[in-house]
């Protein structure tokens, strides 16, 4: 009798372990066509908001969750540190767009246009993640077109719709096959 009880207990534990493993392997919920569209619109509104410093930078900040972050892994300083958080929360994000306490007076990308192109969006268990190339027009004049790496994002769906939880600005070569990289690729 004892042997049967031990065997039953072992089988129960094995079944519990199998159920736990299967639950952990469960795929992220699928995104709907509307989800993809809304996340892409979020990406595109980002360019409009940062280029215009609209609503004193708060339109930019409101694209993020209240605790949203912007991390620099693009500049020399940010890259050397493996990523440097430049802004967290609404006030810091508004200032990162040149607004807030800065008042949109000295924006480093004046006359630029930020273009988010080739978005790739993937469902995750907590929402979605994405990558998008950043191309800027106007850094060195009206006809200048420069790729400035891209963004790696984490998106969450809130009561106000999809928002950026975290955005990391990465270098061009972050996604390039090493065999395709040239020495001048940042």
Foldseek 3Di string as FASTA:
>chain_A
DVVVVVVVVVVVVVVVVVVVVVVVVDFADDDDPVQVVQVVVLVVVLQVCLQVLPPQQQSNLVLADQQAWEWECQDPVQVVVVIDTQATGRQSRSVVSCGRVNNVPCGLQHPKGWDWDDKDWAGDNQGIKIKTWIWIAQNPHRHDIDTRAIWIFDWHQDPVGIHTRYIYRHFNCPPPDPVPDDPVGD
